[in-house]
C-alpha atoms as a PDB file:
ATOM      1  CA  MET A   1       0.000   0.000   0.000  1.00  0.00           C
ATOM      2  CA  ILE A   2       1.225   3.485  -0.857  1.00  0.00           C
ATOM      3  CA  ILE A   3      -0.129   6.574   0.907  1.00  0.00           C
ATOM      4  CA  GLY A   4       0.225   9.817  -1.004  1.00  0.00           C
ATOM      5  CA  ILE A   5       0.922  12.827   1.204  1.00  0.00           C
ATOM      6  CA  LEU A   6       0.524  16.397   0.011  1.00  0.00           C
ATOM      7  CA  GLY A   7       3.016  18.573   1.847  1.00  0.00           C
ATOM      8  CA  GLY A   8       6.459  17.731   3.119  1.00  0.00           C
ATOM      9  CA  GLY A   9       6.710  19.394   6.524  1.00  0.00           C
ATOM     10  CA  GLN A  10       7.323  17.965   9.983  1.00  0.00           C
ATOM     11  CA  LEU A  11       3.886  16.364  10.271  1.00  0.00           C
ATOM     12  CA  GLY A  12       4.446  14.661   6.925  1.00  0.00           C
ATOM     13  CA  MET A  13       7.839  13.509   8.156  1.00  0.00           C
ATOM     14  CA  MET A  14       6.323  11.948  11.293  1.00  0.00           C
ATOM     15  CA  LEU A  15       3.609  10.307   9.205  1.00  0.00           C
ATOM     16  CA  CYS A  16       6.300   8.733   7.001  1.00  0.00           C
ATOM     17  CA  GLN A  17       8.187   7.479  10.059  1.00  0.00           C
ATOM     18  CA  VAL A  18       5.109   5.807  11.544  1.00  0.00           C
ATOM     19  CA  ALA A  19       4.013   4.381   8.187  1.00  0.00           C
ATOM     20  CA  SER A  20       7.398   2.717   7.694  1.00  0.00           C
ATOM     21  CA  LYS A  21       6.967   0.867  10.999  1.00  0.00           C
ATOM     22  CA  LEU A  22       3.670  -0.495   9.655  1.00  0.00           C
ATOM     23  CA  ASN A  23       5.289  -1.531   6.361  1.00  0.00           C
ATOM     24  CA  ILE A  24       3.285   1.112   4.492  1.00  0.00           C
ATOM     25  CA  GLN A  25       5.043   3.058   1.762  1.00  0.00           C
ATOM     26  CA  THR A  26       4.713   6.826   1.487  1.00  0.00           C
ATOM     27  CA  PHE A  27       4.842   9.200  -1.463  1.00  0.00           C
ATOM     28  CA  ILE A  28       5.433  12.877  -0.675  1.00  0.00           C
ATOM     29  CA  TYR A  29       4.263  15.589  -3.069  1.00  0.00           C
ATOM     30  CA  SER A  30       5.684  18.963  -2.098  1.00  0.00           C
ATOM     31  CA  ASP A  31       6.405  22.280  -3.773  1.00  0.00           C
ATOM     32  CA  THR A  32       9.726  22.834  -1.960  1.00  0.00           C
ATOM     33  CA  ASP A  33      12.878  20.741  -2.186  1.00  0.00           C
ATOM     34  CA  ASP A  34      13.928  21.448   1.416  1.00  0.00           C
ATOM     35  CA  SER A  35      10.930  19.546   2.834  1.00  0.00           C
ATOM     36  CA  PRO A  36      12.062  17.342   5.761  1.00  0.00           C
ATOM     37  CA  ALA A  37       9.537  14.597   4.926  1.00  0.00           C
ATOM     38  CA  ILE A  38      11.261  13.642   1.656  1.00  0.00           C
ATOM     39  CA  LYS A  39      14.164  12.202   3.667  1.00  0.00           C
ATOM     40  CA  TYR A  40      11.827   9.607   5.188  1.00  0.00           C
ATOM     41  CA  ALA A  41       9.461   8.914   2.272  1.00  0.00           C
ATOM     42  CA  ASN A  42       9.801   5.973  -0.102  1.00  0.00           C
ATOM     43  CA  HIS A  43       9.042   8.268  -3.030  1.00  0.00           C
ATOM     44  CA  PHE A  44       8.741  12.004  -3.485  1.00  0.00           C
ATOM     45  CA  LEU A  45       7.930  14.562  -6.171  1.00  0.00           C
ATOM     46  CA  ILE A  46       8.794  18.275  -6.034  1.00  0.00           C
ATOM     47  CA  LYS A  47       6.285  20.138  -8.193  1.00  0.00           C
ATOM     48  CA  LYS A  48       3.756  22.958  -7.897  1.00  0.00           C
ATOM     49  CA  TYR A  49       0.375  22.135  -6.360  1.00  0.00           C
ATOM     50  CA  ASP A  50      -1.405  23.524  -9.412  1.00  0.00           C
ATOM     51  CA  ASP A  51       0.550  21.360 -11.881  1.00  0.00           C
ATOM     52  CA  PHE A  52      -2.284  18.925 -12.604  1.00  0.00           C
ATOM     53  CA  HIS A  53      -0.234  16.866 -15.050  1.00  0.00           C
ATOM     54  CA  GLU A  54       2.198  16.038 -12.241  1.00  0.00           C
ATOM     55  CA  ILE A  55      -0.698  15.612  -9.804  1.00  0.00           C
ATOM     56  CA  ASP A  56      -2.058  12.921 -12.169  1.00  0.00           C
ATOM     57  CA  ASN A  57       1.330  11.155 -12.170  1.00  0.00           C
ATOM     58  CA  PHE A  58       1.346  11.340  -8.375  1.00  0.00           C
ATOM     59  CA  ILE A  59      -2.111   9.876  -7.731  1.00  0.00           C
ATOM     60  CA  LYS A  60      -1.593   7.051 -10.262  1.00  0.00           C
ATOM     61  CA  LYS A  61       1.068   5.670  -7.930  1.00  0.00           C
ATOM     62  CA  CYS A  62      -0.980   6.018  -4.731  1.00  0.00           C
ATOM     63  CA  ASP A  63      -3.730   3.915  -3.154  1.00  0.00           C
ATOM     64  CA  PHE A  64      -4.906   6.734  -0.908  1.00  0.00           C
ATOM     65  CA  VAL A  65      -4.131  10.443  -0.502  1.00  0.00           C
ATOM     66  CA  THR A  66      -4.029  12.728   2.509  1.00  0.00           C
ATOM     67  CA  TYR A  67      -2.335  16.024   3.346  1.00  0.00           C
ATOM     68  CA  GLU A  68      -0.191  17.129   6.251  1.00  0.00           C
ATOM     69  CA  PHE A  69      -1.157  20.808   6.456  1.00  0.00           C
ATOM     70  CA  GLU A  70      -4.241  22.816   5.596  1.00  0.00           C
ATOM     71  CA  ASN A  71      -2.886  25.236   3.000  1.00  0.00           C
ATOM     72  CA  ILE A  72      -3.122  22.937   0.013  1.00  0.00           C
ATOM     73  CA  PRO A  73      -5.190  24.754  -2.667  1.00  0.00           C
ATOM     74  CA  PHE A  74      -8.857  23.744  -2.564  1.00  0.00           C
ATOM     75  CA  LYS A  75      -8.877  23.399  -6.353  1.00  0.00           C
ATOM     76  CA  THR A  76      -6.083  20.806  -6.139  1.00  0.00           C
ATOM     77  CA  LEU A  77      -7.830  18.781  -3.454  1.00  0.00           C
ATOM     78  CA  SER A  78     -11.123  18.908  -5.321  1.00  0.00           C
ATOM     79  CA  TYR A  79      -9.384  17.696  -8.488  1.00  0.00           C
ATOM     80  CA  ILE A  80      -7.732  14.782  -6.687  1.00  0.00           C
ATOM     81  CA  GLU A  81     -10.998  13.875  -4.952  1.00  0.00           C
ATOM     82  CA  GLN A  82     -12.608  13.168  -8.312  1.00  0.00           C
ATOM     83  CA  LYS A  83      -9.978  10.543  -9.083  1.00  0.00           C
ATOM     84  CA  ILE A  84      -8.984   8.874  -5.810  1.00  0.00           C
ATOM     85  CA  LYS A  85      -9.994   8.671  -2.154  1.00  0.00           C
ATOM     86  CA  ILE A  86      -8.662  11.623  -0.161  1.00  0.00           C
ATOM     87  CA  SER A  87      -9.106  12.376   3.523  1.00  0.00           C
ATOM     88  CA  PRO A  88      -9.970  14.823   5.025  1.00  0.00           C
ATOM     89  CA  SER A  89     -12.326  15.889   2.253  1.00  0.00           C
ATOM     90  CA  SER A  90     -11.780  19.047   0.233  1.00  0.00           C
ATOM     91  CA  GLU A  91     -14.917  20.579   1.780  1.00  0.00           C
ATOM     92  CA  ILE A  92     -13.519  20.183   5.283  1.00  0.00           C
ATOM     93  CA  ASN A  93     -10.231  21.725   4.246  1.00  0.00           C
ATOM     94  CA  GLN A  94     -12.016  24.646   2.631  1.00  0.00           C
ATOM     95  CA  ILE A  95     -13.589  25.412   6.016  1.00  0.00           C
ATOM     96  CA  ILE A  96     -10.399  25.176   8.082  1.00  0.00           C
ATOM     97  CA  GLN A  97      -8.234  27.142   5.624  1.00  0.00           C
ATOM     98  CA  ASP A  98     -10.078  30.294   6.672  1.00  0.00           C
ATOM     99  CA  ARG A  99     -10.048  31.231  10.367  1.00  0.00           C
ATOM    100  CA  LEU A 100     -13.380  33.019  10.055  1.00  0.00           C
ATOM    101  CA  THR A 101     -15.281  30.195   8.337  1.00  0.00           C
ATOM    102  CA  GLU A 102     -13.648  27.761  10.747  1.00  0.00           C
ATOM    103  CA  LYS A 103     -14.923  29.656  13.805  1.00  0.00           C
ATOM    104  CA  ASN A 104     -18.343  30.167  12.231  1.00  0.00           C
ATOM    105  CA  TYR A 105     -18.615  26.428  11.636  1.00  0.00           C
ATOM    106  CA  VAL A 106     -17.422  25.460  15.106  1.00  0.00           C
ATOM    107  CA  ASN A 107     -19.918  27.811  16.759  1.00  0.00           C
ATOM    108  CA  LYS A 108     -22.668  26.538  14.466  1.00  0.00           C
ATOM    109  CA  ILE A 109     -22.230  23.048  15.913  1.00  0.00           C
ATOM    110  CA  ASN A 110     -22.434  24.473  19.442  1.00  0.00           C
ATOM    111  CA  ILE A 111     -18.741  24.482  20.323  1.00  0.00           C
ATOM    112  CA  PRO A 112     -18.047  27.908  21.875  1.00  0.00           C
ATOM    113  CA  THR A 113     -14.983  29.947  20.998  1.00  0.00           C
ATOM    114  CA  VAL A 114     -13.614  33.313  22.060  1.00  0.00           C
ATOM    115  CA  PRO A 115     -15.615  36.309  20.772  1.00  0.00           C
ATOM    116  CA  TYR A 116     -14.471  37.316  17.281  1.00  0.00           C
ATOM    117  CA  MET A 117     -15.392  39.530  14.343  1.00  0.00           C
ATOM    118  CA  GLU A 118     -14.550  40.047  10.703  1.00  0.00           C
ATOM    119  CA  ILE A 119     -12.152  42.891   9.847  1.00  0.00           C
ATOM    120  CA  ASN A 120     -11.159  44.042   6.357  1.00  0.00           C
ATOM    121  CA  ASN A 121      -9.474  47.414   6.826  1.00  0.00           C
ATOM    122  CA  THR A 122      -8.399  50.089   9.299  1.00  0.00           C
ATOM    123  CA  SER A 123     -11.871  51.639   9.363  1.00  0.00           C
ATOM    124  CA  ASP A 124     -13.396  48.324  10.490  1.00  0.00           C
ATOM    125  CA  LEU A 125     -10.783  48.005  13.202  1.00  0.00           C
ATOM    126  CA  LYS A 126     -11.360  51.518  14.544  1.00  0.00           C
ATOM    127  CA  SER A 127     -15.114  50.926  14.706  1.00  0.00           C
ATOM    128  CA  VAL A 128     -14.662  48.131  17.248  1.00  0.00           C
ATOM    129  CA  ASP A 129     -15.913  48.796  20.781  1.00  0.00           C
ATOM    130  CA  PRO A 130     -12.879  49.679  22.965  1.00  0.00           C
ATOM    131  CA  LYS A 131     -14.136  47.174  25.540  1.00  0.00           C
ATOM    132  CA  PHE A 132     -13.397  44.356  23.087  1.00  0.00           C
ATOM    133  CA  PHE A 133      -9.670  44.796  23.642  1.00  0.00           C
ATOM    134  CA  PRO A 134      -7.153  43.289  24.326  1.00  0.00           C
ATOM    135  CA  ALA A 135      -7.439  41.267  21.141  1.00  0.00           C
ATOM    136  CA  ILE A 136      -5.416  39.530  18.443  1.00  0.00           C
ATOM    137  CA  LEU A 137      -5.763  40.506  14.791  1.00  0.00           C
ATOM    138  CA  LYS A 138      -5.053  37.578  12.484  1.00  0.00           C
ATOM    139  CA  THR A 139      -5.062  37.092   8.742  1.00  0.00           C
ATOM    140  CA  ARG A 140      -7.907  34.775   7.854  1.00  0.00           C
ATOM    141  CA  LYS A 141      -5.715  32.627   5.639  1.00  0.00           C
ATOM    142  CA  LEU A 142      -2.128  31.441   5.864  1.00  0.00           C
ATOM    143  CA  GLY A 143       0.046  32.523   8.760  1.00  0.00           C
ATOM    144  CA  TYR A 144       1.099  30.200  11.579  1.00  0.00           C
ATOM    145  CA  ASP A 145       3.192  30.191  14.773  1.00  0.00           C
ATOM    146  CA  GLY A 146       2.421  33.865  15.307  1.00  0.00           C
ATOM    147  CA  LYS A 147       3.009  34.914  11.697  1.00  0.00           C
ATOM    148  CA  GLY A 148       0.299  37.135  10.251  1.00  0.00           C
ATOM    149  CA  GLN A 149      -0.835  38.123  13.758  1.00  0.00           C
ATOM    150  CA  ILE A 150      -0.830  41.405  15.687  1.00  0.00           C
ATOM    151  CA  VAL A 151      -1.577  41.707  19.407  1.00  0.00           C
ATOM    152  CA  ILE A 152      -3.604  44.853  20.151  1.00  0.00           C
ATOM    153  CA  ASN A 153      -3.674  45.394  23.894  1.00  0.00           C
ATOM    154  CA  SER A 154      -5.981  48.417  23.893  1.00  0.00           C
ATOM    155  CA  TYR A 155      -7.985  50.600  21.527  1.00  0.00           C
ATOM    156  CA  LYS A 156      -5.306  53.312  21.601  1.00  0.00           C
ATOM    157  CA  ASP A 157      -2.786  50.807  20.201  1.00  0.00           C
ATOM    158  CA  ILE A 158      -4.657  50.522  16.897  1.00  0.00           C
ATOM    159  CA  SER A 159      -2.559  51.503  13.885  1.00  0.00           C
ATOM    160  CA  ASP A 160      -3.252  51.489  10.162  1.00  0.00           C
ATOM    161  CA  ILE A 161      -3.375  48.069   8.538  1.00  0.00           C
ATOM    162  CA  PRO A 162      -3.321  47.138   4.828  1.00  0.00           C
ATOM    163  CA  ASN A 163      -6.651  46.084   3.349  1.00  0.00           C
ATOM    164  CA  ASN A 164      -6.955  42.338   3.726  1.00  0.00           C
ATOM    165  CA  GLU A 165      -9.196  39.635   5.136  1.00  0.00           C
ATOM    166  CA  TYR A 166      -8.717  39.489   8.915  1.00  0.00           C
ATOM    167  CA  ILE A 167     -10.366  38.085  11.991  1.00  0.00           C
ATOM    168  CA  LEU A 168     -10.174  39.901  15.326  1.00  0.00           C
ATOM    169  CA  GLU A 169     -10.256  37.544  18.318  1.00  0.00           C
ATOM    170  CA  LYS A 170     -10.823  38.771  21.848  1.00  0.00           C
ATOM    171  CA  LYS A 171      -7.956  37.913  24.161  1.00  0.00           C
ATOM    172  CA  LEU A 172      -9.241  36.209  27.286  1.00  0.00           C
ATOM    173  CA  ILE A 173      -7.579  37.088  30.577  1.00  0.00           C
ATOM    174  CA  TYR A 174      -7.363  34.372  33.217  1.00  0.00           C
ATOM    175  CA  ASN A 175      -6.892  35.073  36.917  1.00  0.00           C
ATOM    176  CA  LYS A 176      -4.801  31.947  37.281  1.00  0.00           C
ATOM    177  CA  LYS A 177      -2.907  30.062  34.654  1.00  0.00           C
ATOM    178  CA  SER A 178      -3.629  26.385  34.948  1.00  0.00           C
ATOM    179  CA  LEU A 179      -2.306  23.143  33.597  1.00  0.00           C
ATOM    180  CA  SER A 180      -4.329  20.026  32.891  1.00  0.00           C
ATOM    181  CA  LEU A 181      -2.606  16.813  33.827  1.00  0.00           C
ATOM    182  CA  LEU A 182      -3.917  13.441  32.719  1.00  0.00           C
ATOM    183  CA  SER A 183      -3.022  10.402  34.768  1.00  0.00           C
ATOM    184  CA  GLY A 184      -3.801   7.417  32.590  1.00  0.00           C
ATOM    185  CA  ILE A 185      -7.521   7.804  31.900  1.00  0.00           C
ATOM    186  CA  LYS A 186      -8.542   7.940  35.537  1.00  0.00           C
ATOM    187  CA  MET A 187      -8.137  11.529  36.639  1.00  0.00           C
ATOM    188  CA  VAL A 188      -7.632  15.041  35.322  1.00  0.00           C
ATOM    189  CA  LEU A 189      -6.068  17.660  37.594  1.00  0.00           C
ATOM    190  CA  PHE A 190      -6.283  21.421  37.108  1.00  0.00           C
ATOM    191  CA  LEU A 191      -3.496  23.198  38.942  1.00  0.00           C
ATOM    192  CA  PRO A 192      -2.644  26.908  39.301  1.00  0.00           C
ATOM    193  CA  ILE A 193       0.759  27.446  37.731  1.00  0.00           C
ATOM    194  CA  ASN A 194       2.302  28.514  41.052  1.00  0.00           C
ATOM    195  CA  GLN A 195       1.481  25.076  42.475  1.00  0.00           C
ATOM    196  CA  LEU A 196       2.873  23.189  39.508  1.00  0.00           C
ATOM    197  CA  LYS A 197       6.496  23.048  40.735  1.00  0.00           C
ATOM    198  CA  ILE A 198       5.328  21.740  44.102  1.00  0.00           C
ATOM    199  CA  PHE A 199       3.214  19.077  42.390  1.00  0.00           C
ATOM    200  CA  ILE A 200       6.110  17.999  40.175  1.00  0.00           C
ATOM    201  CA  LYS A 201       8.418  17.719  43.192  1.00  0.00           C
ATOM    202  CA  ILE A 202       5.848  15.717  45.148  1.00  0.00           C
ATOM    203  CA  LYS A 203       5.181  13.494  42.140  1.00  0.00           C
ATOM    204  CA  PHE A 204       8.908  12.979  41.569  1.00  0.00           C
ATOM    205  CA  PHE A 205       9.630  12.023  45.179  1.00  0.00           C
ATOM    206  CA  SER A 206       6.492   9.885  45.284  1.00  0.00           C
ATOM    207  CA  ASN A 207       7.639   7.927  42.247  1.00  0.00           C
ATOM    208  CA  HIS A 208      11.199   7.800  43.554  1.00  0.00           C
ATOM    209  CA  PHE A 209       9.983   6.543  46.951  1.00  0.00           C
ATOM    210  CA  HIS A 210       7.820   3.918  45.241  1.00  0.00           C
ATOM    211  CA  GLN A 211      10.819   2.696  43.234  1.00  0.00           C
ATOM    212  CA  LEU A 212      12.972   2.530  46.368  1.00  0.00           C
ATOM    213  CA  THR A 213      10.209   0.663  48.214  1.00  0.00           C
ATOM    214  CA  GLN A 214       9.908  -1.846  45.401  1.00  0.00           C
ATOM    215  CA  ARG A 215      13.677  -2.312  45.345  1.00  0.00           C
ATOM    216  CA  ASN A 216      13.771  -2.792  49.134  1.00  0.00           C
ATOM    217  CA  ARG A 217      10.974  -5.344  48.949  1.00  0.00           C
ATOM    218  CA  SER A 218      12.806  -7.202  46.221  1.00  0.00           C
ATOM    219  CA  LEU A 219      16.048  -7.051  48.233  1.00  0.00           C
ATOM    220  CA  LYS A 220      14.297  -8.343  51.366  1.00  0.00           C
ATOM    221  CA  LYS A 221      12.854 -11.263  49.390  1.00  0.00           C
ATOM    222  CA  ARG A 222      16.309 -12.170  48.077  1.00  0.00           C
ATOM    223  CA  GLN A 223      17.804 -11.883  51.590  1.00  0.00           C
ATOM    224  CA  THR A 224      15.034 -14.085  53.023  1.00  0.00           C
ATOM    225  CA  MET A 225      15.587 -16.719  50.309  1.00  0.00           C
ATOM    226  CA  LEU A 226      19.334 -16.598  50.960  1.00  0.00           C
ATOM    227  CA  ILE A 227      18.769 -17.163  54.725  1.00  0.00           C
ATOM    228  CA  ILE A 228      16.458 -20.107  53.971  1.00  0.00           C
ATOM    229  CA  LEU A 229      18.994 -21.642  51.613  1.00  0.00           C
ATOM    230  CA  GLN A 230      21.770 -21.152  54.172  1.00  0.00           C
ATOM    231  CA  LYS A 231      19.657 -22.893  56.846  1.00  0.00           C
ATOM    232  CA  LYS A 232      19.087 -25.830  54.515  1.00  0.00           C
END
């Protein structure tokens, strides 16, 4: 079986690594030759995502196609979908490529998000209620790891922005930062960040004590057996 993967980033690389352990071959299609995933794929092709002749050559050699990041052109995914099974579907990717449509969809299915609004220019931004800030202005498409984002802490910090498609998300302020810890599937703990170091220390010494106890028990058993053998 050969899985075709559109995109050659780190997620594609990890997918190739796992697939190889399952004896599944991978075929990376990427538009950049410095993609880390090509080092771990069985096959790879470096071409543009809108080169449909090369896309045809790619899918002919695959049993199934997926993609490792959301910014694959919708037209490309839709084209592939007509010829071979692809997952997630092109419709799903069209939703998640745009931060505004993504949030609209998530709220539509009753999953709450932070308050947000559509922004297209400086005038839109200056018309926002000052109480909405602090907020983060993000480009609706592309951008990741903080790229294409501007933190606006207050209304007076607003500056001119180029006309574009943006989403403004309200920045929520928490009284206490917390961390969720999952222990197996039995318990979830929510701890204020100032208690986290204490918890880690307690957990470390608890585990360390348990290991020492187990070792002592094992040592005592061996000593007892040795005494019994000596008596015999």
